[in-house]
Amino acid sequence: MATIDINGNSFYYEIHGEGEPIVLAHGLGGNHATWYKQVAVLAKAYQVITFDHRGFGNSSDIEGAGRSEFSSDLLALLDHLKIEQTALLGQSMGGGTAITFTCQHPERVSGLIIADSLHGLVESGEVKNIMDQARENTANMSQIERVLGNNFAQNNPGEAILYQQLNSFNCTDRSNLTGVYAMDKFTAEQLAQTGVLTMFLAGQDDILFPIEAIRLVQEQVEGSFIVEFDDCGHSAFFEKPTDFNDSVLSFLQMAGLAPTSGSVHSNSAGYASV
């Protein structure tokens, strides 16, 4: 647990485990603590780095720059830690951070995992139509209604409350989030041109980023692939952690990141030992 100074802002991060690094970028309703279902598992084989985006958790945002500095903050963190290359996992808002950073600094990224997100990418044609309808449908919903699948929230009321409580530690929410990831968004083709191995993870019942839109974008990112989770909403990492973690572990090995120990896959989701 530590902080670095970025232009007068306190930027919070944590490091767990040893080995090849993977950085986890949280979504709008979360912070570093949101990843508690991932850290203990992934850190058995990799160095796991979590952080608070500026304005979230323990990180400040004095100038109110918001998303405009997310990518440069990540670069500052990697430079501070002397990490030349890392895998990135970004969920929802954090997906925009990871996508933007990858397009701006592809040489620093060993693999990209986009979870429940299309942030930072150009929406065009049918994708824009789907996303416009999704934004209209969810505009007046509560945070829990937006981010958790109906079945999960109803069957796990305690965890739904915990999700909401973790969000309460943020100064920033969707009503006051500022800035843009980049002056010009990147196209799916530009993401593909980085040459960074990319995986999309998505819940089939996600109402913020409908699976139909994610499928269309994934098809445009040549060489990428997609893993879908049934009976799952916008927060696959929280709702289906075993399947989510196994997918991440498989991807890291596909990307050439050797684990420090033997396979830590649960295999409960059908993944074979590696």
Protein backbone atom coordinates (compact mmCIF):
# COMPACT_ATOMS: atom_id res chain seq x y z
CA MET A 1 0.00 0.00 0.00
CA ALA A 2 1.60 3.24 -1.13
CA THR A 3 1.05 6.56 -2.87
CA ILE A 4 2.94 8.59 -5.41
CA ASP A 5 2.67 12.29 -6.11
CA ILE A 6 1.37 13.19 -9.57
CA ASN A 7 1.35 16.96 -10.04
CA GLY A 8 0.28 17.53 -6.45
CA ASN A 9 -2.24 14.69 -6.42
CA SER A 10 -1.92 11.69 -4.15
CA PHE A 11 -2.24 8.54 -6.29
CA TYR A 12 -2.89 5.33 -4.38
CA TYR A 13 -1.79 1.84 -5.41
CA GLU A 14 -1.15 -1.64 -3.99
CA ILE A 15 1.11 -4.52 -5.08
CA HIS A 16 0.30 -8.15 -4.35
CA GLY A 17 2.32 -11.22 -5.28
CA GLU A 18 5.38 -11.63 -7.47
CA GLY A 19 6.13 -12.39 -11.09
CA GLU A 20 4.93 -10.96 -14.39
CA PRO A 21 2.79 -7.86 -13.72
CA ILE A 22 -0.89 -7.30 -14.39
CA VAL A 23 -2.56 -3.98 -13.58
CA LEU A 24 -6.26 -3.89 -12.69
CA ALA A 25 -8.19 -0.70 -13.53
CA HIS A 26 -11.54 -0.44 -11.71
CA GLY A 27 -14.87 0.88 -12.93
CA LEU A 28 -16.91 3.95 -12.02
CA GLY A 29 -18.63 2.28 -9.09
CA GLY A 30 -15.45 0.90 -7.59
CA ASN A 31 -11.90 1.49 -6.42
CA HIS A 32 -8.90 -0.70 -5.61
CA ALA A 33 -10.92 -2.69 -3.05
CA THR A 34 -13.42 -3.78 -5.69
CA TRP A 35 -10.95 -6.40 -6.91
CA TYR A 36 -10.89 -8.44 -3.68
CA LYS A 37 -12.25 -11.51 -5.51
CA GLN A 38 -9.40 -11.33 -8.04
CA VAL A 39 -6.32 -10.27 -6.11
CA ALA A 40 -5.93 -13.33 -3.87
CA VAL A 41 -6.26 -15.70 -6.83
CA LEU A 42 -4.15 -13.89 -9.42
CA ALA A 43 -1.41 -13.05 -6.92
CA LYS A 44 -0.65 -16.75 -6.50
CA ALA A 45 1.02 -16.65 -9.90
CA TYR A 46 1.55 -13.01 -10.89
CA GLN A 47 2.38 -9.58 -9.53
CA VAL A 48 -1.02 -7.89 -9.21
CA ILE A 49 -1.19 -4.10 -9.09
CA THR A 50 -4.39 -2.32 -8.13
CA PHE A 51 -4.89 1.43 -7.87
CA ASP A 52 -7.49 4.14 -7.36
CA HIS A 53 -8.24 6.31 -10.37
CA ARG A 54 -7.93 10.01 -9.49
CA GLY A 55 -11.01 11.12 -7.54
CA PHE A 56 -11.72 7.56 -6.39
CA GLY A 57 -10.88 5.79 -3.14
CA ASN A 58 -7.64 7.14 -1.72
CA SER A 59 -6.57 9.13 -4.80
CA SER A 60 -7.17 12.86 -5.14
CA ASP A 61 -8.01 14.97 -8.18
CA ILE A 62 -7.22 18.55 -7.21
CA GLU A 63 -7.73 20.02 -10.66
CA GLY A 64 -10.82 17.97 -11.47
CA ALA A 65 -9.24 16.50 -14.61
CA GLY A 66 -10.98 13.15 -14.30
CA ARG A 67 -10.72 10.84 -17.30
CA SER A 68 -8.46 13.25 -19.16
CA GLU A 69 -5.52 12.18 -16.98
CA PHE A 70 -6.35 8.48 -16.43
CA SER A 71 -3.93 7.24 -19.08
CA SER A 72 -1.10 9.57 -18.08
CA ASP A 73 -1.61 8.60 -14.41
CA LEU A 74 -1.18 4.96 -15.37
CA LEU A 75 1.98 5.80 -17.29
CA ALA A 76 3.33 7.67 -14.26
CA LEU A 77 2.60 4.64 -12.05
CA LEU A 78 4.37 2.20 -14.38
CA ASP A 79 7.36 4.52 -14.69
CA HIS A 80 7.50 4.89 -10.90
CA LEU A 81 7.47 1.11 -10.48
CA LYS A 82 9.99 0.70 -13.32
CA ILE A 83 7.64 -1.65 -15.15
CA GLU A 84 8.52 -1.69 -18.85
CA GLN A 85 5.60 -3.86 -19.91
CA THR A 86 2.46 -5.16 -18.20
CA ALA A 87 -0.83 -6.86 -18.89
CA LEU A 88 -3.85 -4.60 -18.38
CA LEU A 89 -7.31 -5.55 -17.13
CA GLY A 90 -9.85 -2.74 -17.28
CA GLN A 91 -13.47 -3.02 -16.15
CA SER A 92 -16.12 -0.58 -17.45
CA MET A 93 -14.63 2.89 -16.83
CA GLY A 94 -11.25 1.22 -16.29
CA GLY A 95 -11.67 -0.41 -19.68
CA GLY A 96 -11.48 3.07 -21.18
CA THR A 97 -8.25 3.66 -19.28
CA ALA A 98 -6.76 0.38 -20.48
CA ILE A 99 -7.89 0.82 -24.11
CA THR A 100 -6.63 4.41 -24.31
CA PHE A 101 -3.30 3.53 -22.71
CA THR A 102 -2.84 0.56 -25.04
CA CYS A 103 -3.49 2.67 -28.13
CA GLN A 104 -1.14 5.39 -26.89
CA HIS A 105 1.62 3.13 -25.53
CA PRO A 106 1.30 -0.32 -27.13
CA GLU A 107 4.93 -1.13 -26.41
CA ARG A 108 4.17 -1.02 -22.68
CA VAL A 109 1.32 -3.58 -22.85
CA SER A 110 1.83 -7.36 -22.94
CA GLY A 111 -1.88 -8.13 -23.14
CA LEU A 112 -5.21 -6.31 -22.87
CA ILE A 113 -8.37 -7.56 -21.16
CA ILE A 114 -11.48 -5.43 -21.67
CA ALA A 115 -14.19 -6.34 -19.18
CA ASP A 116 -17.76 -5.11 -19.68
CA SER A 117 -16.66 -2.02 -21.57
CA LEU A 118 -16.34 -0.18 -24.86
CA HIS A 119 -15.20 3.10 -23.28
CA GLY A 120 -12.58 4.99 -25.24
CA LEU A 121 -13.63 3.46 -28.56
CA VAL A 122 -15.52 5.07 -31.41
CA GLU A 123 -19.15 3.97 -31.62
CA SER A 124 -20.47 3.81 -35.16
CA GLY A 125 -23.35 2.31 -37.10
CA GLU A 126 -25.25 -0.43 -35.31
CA VAL A 127 -22.98 -0.21 -32.25
CA LYS A 128 -23.98 3.40 -31.70
CA ASN A 129 -27.67 2.56 -32.11
CA ILE A 130 -27.43 -0.19 -29.50
CA MET A 131 -25.46 1.97 -27.07
CA ASP A 132 -27.74 5.00 -27.46
CA GLN A 133 -30.73 2.81 -26.60
CA ALA A 134 -28.88 1.31 -23.61
CA ARG A 135 -28.01 4.77 -22.27
CA GLU A 136 -31.64 5.85 -22.59
CA ASN A 137 -32.92 2.69 -20.89
CA THR A 138 -30.55 2.94 -17.91
CA ALA A 139 -30.46 6.72 -17.37
CA ASN A 140 -32.78 6.71 -14.36
CA MET A 141 -31.74 3.43 -12.78
CA SER A 142 -29.95 3.14 -9.45
CA GLN A 143 -26.29 2.14 -9.34
CA ILE A 144 -27.07 -1.43 -8.26
CA GLU A 145 -29.73 -1.85 -10.95
CA ARG A 146 -27.20 -0.72 -13.54
CA VAL A 147 -24.16 -2.72 -12.52
CA LEU A 148 -25.46 -6.03 -11.16
CA GLY A 149 -27.63 -8.60 -12.90
CA ASN A 150 -31.15 -8.95 -11.50
CA ASN A 151 -30.68 -12.56 -10.46
CA PHE A 152 -27.40 -11.86 -8.70
CA ALA A 153 -28.71 -8.88 -6.74
CA GLN A 154 -31.86 -10.76 -5.68
CA ASN A 155 -30.02 -13.93 -4.68
CA ASN A 156 -27.05 -12.18 -3.03
CA PRO A 157 -28.44 -9.14 -1.19
CA GLY A 158 -25.46 -8.98 1.17
CA GLU A 159 -22.97 -8.77 -1.67
CA ALA A 160 -25.11 -6.20 -3.44
CA ILE A 161 -24.97 -4.03 -0.32
CA LEU A 162 -21.19 -4.51 -0.10
CA TYR A 163 -20.82 -3.39 -3.72
CA GLN A 164 -22.73 -0.23 -2.88
CA GLN A 165 -20.68 0.36 0.26
CA LEU A 166 -17.39 0.12 -1.64
CA ASN A 167 -18.72 2.79 -3.97
CA SER A 168 -19.47 5.08 -1.03
CA PHE A 169 -15.76 5.74 -0.47
CA ASN A 170 -15.44 7.56 -3.81
CA CYS A 171 -15.63 11.33 -4.22
CA THR A 172 -16.52 10.80 -7.87
CA ASP A 173 -19.60 9.17 -9.34
CA ARG A 174 -21.43 9.34 -12.67
CA SER A 175 -22.99 12.69 -11.73
CA ASN A 176 -19.65 14.52 -11.43
CA LEU A 177 -17.10 12.52 -13.44
CA THR A 178 -15.22 14.93 -15.70
CA GLY A 179 -12.88 14.80 -18.65
CA VAL A 180 -12.50 12.55 -21.67
CA TYR A 181 -10.09 9.65 -22.19
CA ALA A 182 -8.54 11.27 -25.26
CA MET A 183 -9.36 14.21 -27.49
CA ASP A 184 -10.20 11.71 -30.23
CA LYS A 185 -11.48 8.25 -29.45
CA PHE A 186 -9.76 5.27 -31.02
CA THR A 187 -11.40 2.96 -33.53
CA ALA A 188 -11.55 -0.79 -33.16
CA GLU A 189 -9.23 -1.02 -36.16
CA GLN A 190 -6.67 1.23 -34.44
CA LEU A 191 -6.81 -0.98 -31.37
CA ALA A 192 -6.16 -4.02 -33.56
CA GLN A 193 -3.23 -2.25 -35.23
CA THR A 194 -1.41 -2.02 -31.90
CA GLY A 195 -0.73 -5.74 -32.21
CA VAL A 196 -1.54 -6.25 -28.52
CA LEU A 197 -3.34 -9.53 -27.81
CA THR A 198 -6.84 -8.55 -26.69
CA MET A 199 -9.68 -10.35 -24.94
CA PHE A 200 -13.20 -9.07 -24.27
CA LEU A 201 -15.03 -10.37 -21.19
CA ALA A 202 -18.76 -9.69 -21.04
CA GLY A 203 -21.91 -10.64 -19.17
CA GLN A 204 -24.72 -11.66 -21.49
CA ASP A 205 -27.24 -9.73 -19.38
CA ASP A 206 -25.22 -6.49 -19.21
CA ILE A 207 -27.63 -3.58 -19.69
CA LEU A 208 -24.95 -0.85 -19.80
CA PHE A 209 -22.89 -2.48 -22.55
CA PRO A 210 -25.23 -4.93 -24.28
CA ILE A 211 -23.57 -8.11 -25.47
CA GLU A 212 -24.68 -7.41 -29.04
CA ALA A 213 -22.59 -4.22 -29.12
CA ILE A 214 -19.52 -5.87 -27.61
CA ARG A 215 -19.74 -8.73 -30.12
CA LEU A 216 -19.84 -6.28 -33.02
CA VAL A 217 -16.77 -4.38 -31.76
CA GLN A 218 -14.85 -7.54 -30.95
CA GLU A 219 -15.33 -8.73 -34.53
CA GLN A 220 -13.64 -5.52 -35.70
CA VAL A 221 -10.56 -6.05 -33.50
CA GLU A 222 -8.69 -8.53 -35.64
CA GLY A 223 -6.99 -11.26 -33.63
CA SER A 224 -9.05 -10.64 -30.49
CA PHE A 225 -11.48 -13.02 -28.88
CA ILE A 226 -14.40 -12.90 -26.48
CA VAL A 227 -15.54 -14.84 -23.42
CA GLU A 228 -19.19 -14.47 -22.42
CA PHE A 229 -20.78 -15.26 -19.08
CA ASP A 230 -24.41 -16.36 -18.98
CA ASP A 231 -26.82 -15.14 -16.29
CA CYS A 232 -24.46 -12.25 -15.60
CA GLY A 233 -24.82 -8.47 -15.70
CA HIS A 234 -22.32 -5.63 -15.99
CA SER A 235 -19.95 -6.78 -13.23
CA ALA A 236 -18.70 -10.20 -14.32
CA PHE A 237 -15.66 -9.90 -12.04
CA PHE A 238 -18.02 -9.62 -9.05
CA GLU A 239 -20.90 -11.83 -10.16
CA LYS A 240 -18.93 -14.71 -11.71
CA PRO A 241 -15.47 -14.45 -10.11
CA THR A 242 -14.43 -18.08 -10.64
CA ASP A 243 -15.20 -18.07 -14.36
CA PHE A 244 -13.78 -14.55 -14.67
CA ASN A 245 -10.52 -15.38 -12.90
CA ASP A 246 -10.00 -18.59 -14.86
CA SER A 247 -10.50 -16.67 -18.10
CA VAL A 248 -7.94 -14.07 -17.03
CA LEU A 249 -5.41 -16.73 -16.03
CA SER A 250 -5.82 -18.55 -19.34
CA PHE A 251 -5.37 -15.30 -21.23
CA LEU A 252 -2.20 -14.35 -19.36
CA GLN A 253 -0.59 -17.64 -20.32
CA MET A 254 -1.76 -17.22 -23.93
CA ALA A 255 -0.08 -13.82 -23.89
CA GLY A 256 3.17 -15.46 -22.82
CA LEU A 257 3.17 -14.39 -19.18
CA ALA A 258 4.54 -17.38 -17.31
CA PRO A 259 3.10 -17.93 -13.81
CA THR A 260 5.47 -18.16 -10.87
CA SER A 261 3.76 -21.34 -9.69
CA GLY A 262 1.85 -24.18 -11.29
CA SER A 263 -1.66 -23.71 -12.58
CA VAL A 264 -3.92 -21.84 -10.17
CA HIS A 265 -7.02 -22.41 -12.29
CA SER A 266 -10.02 -23.57 -10.32
CA ASN A 267 -11.08 -25.85 -13.20
CA SER A 268 -14.63 -25.61 -11.90
CA ALA A 269 -15.60 -23.73 -15.04
CA GLY A 270 -14.22 -26.41 -17.31
CA TYR A 271 -10.71 -25.10 -17.83
CA ALA A 272 -8.04 -27.77 -18.17
CA SER A 273 -4.84 -27.68 -16.14
CA VAL A 274 -2.03 -25.81 -17.86
